[in-house]
Each structure stands twice: as C-alpha cells, then as structure tokens.
Amino acid sequence: MKYFLTLLLLGAFTSFGQMLSGDLKDSGRKKISNTPYLLESHTTGFVAYEVTVNNEGNVTAARLVANKTTVRSTPARMKTRDHVMKFKFEKGNHYPKFQTVVLKITLVKPK
C-alpha cells in the first residue's frame, strides 16, 4: 500500500519522466516508441540525459546531465543510458539533421 501511495503521489505532482528541454521538444517532435520514462532499479531517484536524435528519429548519443540527476550509482546511471538509447522519435526531412533534448528518467525499486 505504501508503494502504491508513493507512485500515486509521484504521478500527481510530476510525470514519471519527461522531456525537460531542448530544440527537439521546442519543435514539437513526438516520441513514437513505447519506451517508458519509468525504470526499475536497485535505487530510486531521477537520472537526466541529454540525447541527440538524428532526422531518422534514432538516438545517436547520450550525455549525463549531473546537475539534474539525483542518483549516484554508476550501474544505475549506465542502465538508464542504455534505456534512453532505445527511444525513437518521429522521423522526417523537415527536422534538422540532429536535435537534442534532455530526458528525465525516474528510477524506482521493484516491488
């Protein structure tokens, strides 16, 4: 019950993860993959990565944004990096060759 209330409160006051900033967000480009912003891990907190997306919609690079990250665990950060590399966005020639966006992923302990 305590776990459920924690998730409910997180959902009510923040989204589990989100696109924080970047020209990809400003252009209105949508995420098309079902990759969630919530990830199970051995620790809890937030990890932010600035990702670069090509005009095909694939993530080509990810850089940790330390000042927006609360998780100190290196394995959890690497797991999150592998996770954000799976994101897919709308493709199109009307988008720039590369766009960036900061993604915030929420880590939670499994039940």
Protein backbone atom coordinates (compact mmCIF):
# COMPACT_ATOMS: atom_id res chain seq x y z
CA MET A 1 0.00 0.00 0.00
CA LYS A 2 2.85 2.37 0.86
CA TYR A 3 4.46 1.69 -2.54
CA PHE A 4 1.18 2.39 -4.33
CA LEU A 5 0.74 5.72 -2.50
CA THR A 6 4.29 6.75 -3.39
CA LEU A 7 3.66 6.05 -7.08
CA LEU A 8 0.33 7.85 -6.93
CA LEU A 9 1.91 10.94 -5.40
CA LEU A 10 4.76 10.90 -7.91
CA GLY A 11 2.22 10.72 -10.72
CA ALA A 12 0.11 13.50 -9.27
CA PHE A 13 2.88 16.06 -8.81
CA THR A 14 5.32 15.15 -11.57
CA SER A 15 5.35 12.89 -14.52
CA PHE A 16 7.48 9.80 -14.03
CA GLY A 17 9.90 11.16 -16.56
CA GLN A 18 9.77 13.72 -19.20
CA MET A 19 11.36 15.80 -21.89
CA LEU A 20 12.75 18.73 -19.92
CA SER A 21 14.23 21.00 -22.58
CA GLY A 22 15.88 21.14 -25.97
CA ASP A 23 15.24 22.02 -29.57
CA LEU A 24 13.57 18.64 -30.17
CA LYS A 25 10.93 19.49 -27.56
CA ASP A 26 10.54 23.03 -28.92
CA SER A 27 9.93 21.70 -32.45
CA GLY A 28 7.04 19.56 -31.21
CA ARG A 29 8.64 16.31 -32.31
CA LYS A 30 6.89 13.33 -30.70
CA LYS A 31 8.26 10.17 -29.14
CA ILE A 32 6.95 7.16 -31.10
CA SER A 33 8.48 4.29 -29.14
CA ASN A 34 6.74 2.67 -26.19
CA THR A 35 9.90 3.06 -24.12
CA PRO A 36 8.72 4.27 -20.68
CA TYR A 37 10.14 7.15 -18.65
CA LEU A 38 9.99 4.87 -15.59
CA LEU A 39 12.67 2.24 -14.98
CA GLU A 40 13.06 -0.36 -12.24
CA SER A 41 16.44 -0.30 -10.49
CA HIS A 42 18.12 -1.16 -7.21
CA THR A 43 17.87 2.51 -6.21
CA THR A 44 15.35 5.34 -6.50
CA GLY A 45 15.70 8.83 -7.91
CA PHE A 46 15.99 10.70 -11.18
CA VAL A 47 18.58 10.48 -13.95
CA ALA A 48 18.75 13.09 -16.71
CA TYR A 49 20.44 12.57 -20.05
CA GLU A 50 20.85 14.98 -22.94
CA VAL A 51 20.27 12.86 -26.02
CA THR A 52 20.99 13.64 -29.66
CA VAL A 53 18.43 12.45 -32.21
CA ASN A 54 19.04 12.24 -35.97
CA ASN A 55 16.43 13.03 -38.63
CA GLU A 56 15.59 9.29 -38.80
CA GLY A 57 14.34 9.52 -35.20
CA ASN A 58 17.10 7.41 -33.64
CA VAL A 59 19.04 8.40 -30.54
CA THR A 60 22.70 8.62 -31.56
CA ALA A 61 24.33 9.89 -28.35
CA ALA A 62 23.54 10.37 -24.67
CA ARG A 63 25.35 12.61 -22.17
CA LEU A 64 24.61 12.60 -18.41
CA VAL A 65 23.30 15.90 -17.01
CA ALA A 66 24.74 15.69 -13.50
CA ASN A 67 23.05 18.77 -12.02
CA LYS A 68 19.59 17.31 -12.80
CA THR A 69 20.44 13.80 -11.57
CA THR A 70 19.83 12.55 -8.02
CA VAL A 71 21.16 9.00 -8.49
CA ARG A 72 24.82 8.46 -7.59
CA SER A 73 25.04 4.77 -8.53
CA THR A 74 27.16 4.23 -11.64
CA PRO A 75 25.45 0.93 -12.57
CA ALA A 76 22.04 2.63 -12.34
CA ARG A 77 23.25 5.51 -14.50
CA MET A 78 24.61 3.11 -17.14
CA LYS A 79 21.36 1.10 -17.12
CA THR A 80 19.49 4.35 -17.68
CA ARG A 81 21.84 5.33 -20.52
CA ASP A 82 21.19 2.01 -22.25
CA HIS A 83 17.46 2.61 -21.74
CA VAL A 84 17.40 6.11 -23.29
CA MET A 85 19.37 4.88 -26.31
CA LYS A 86 16.26 2.79 -27.19
CA PHE A 87 13.97 5.82 -27.53
CA LYS A 88 12.58 6.54 -31.01
CA PHE A 89 11.14 9.82 -32.26
CA GLU A 90 9.24 10.95 -35.35
CA LYS A 91 11.35 10.92 -38.47
CA GLY A 92 11.20 13.48 -41.22
CA ASN A 93 13.30 15.53 -43.60
CA HIS A 94 11.78 18.75 -42.27
CA TYR A 95 13.65 18.24 -38.98
CA PRO A 96 17.30 19.28 -38.61
CA LYS A 97 19.97 16.63 -39.14
CA PHE A 98 20.48 16.44 -35.36
CA GLN A 99 18.35 17.69 -32.47
CA THR A 100 18.89 17.46 -28.73
CA VAL A 101 16.56 17.02 -25.78
CA VAL A 102 17.08 16.46 -22.06
CA LEU A 103 15.19 13.37 -20.85
CA LYS A 104 14.46 12.75 -17.17
CA ILE A 105 14.00 9.10 -16.22
CA THR A 106 12.57 8.07 -12.84
CA LEU A 107 14.14 5.03 -11.18
CA VAL A 108 12.08 3.01 -8.70
CA LYS A 109 12.80 -0.13 -6.70
CA PRO A 110 10.79 -3.18 -7.81
CA LYS A 111 8.05 -4.33 -5.52
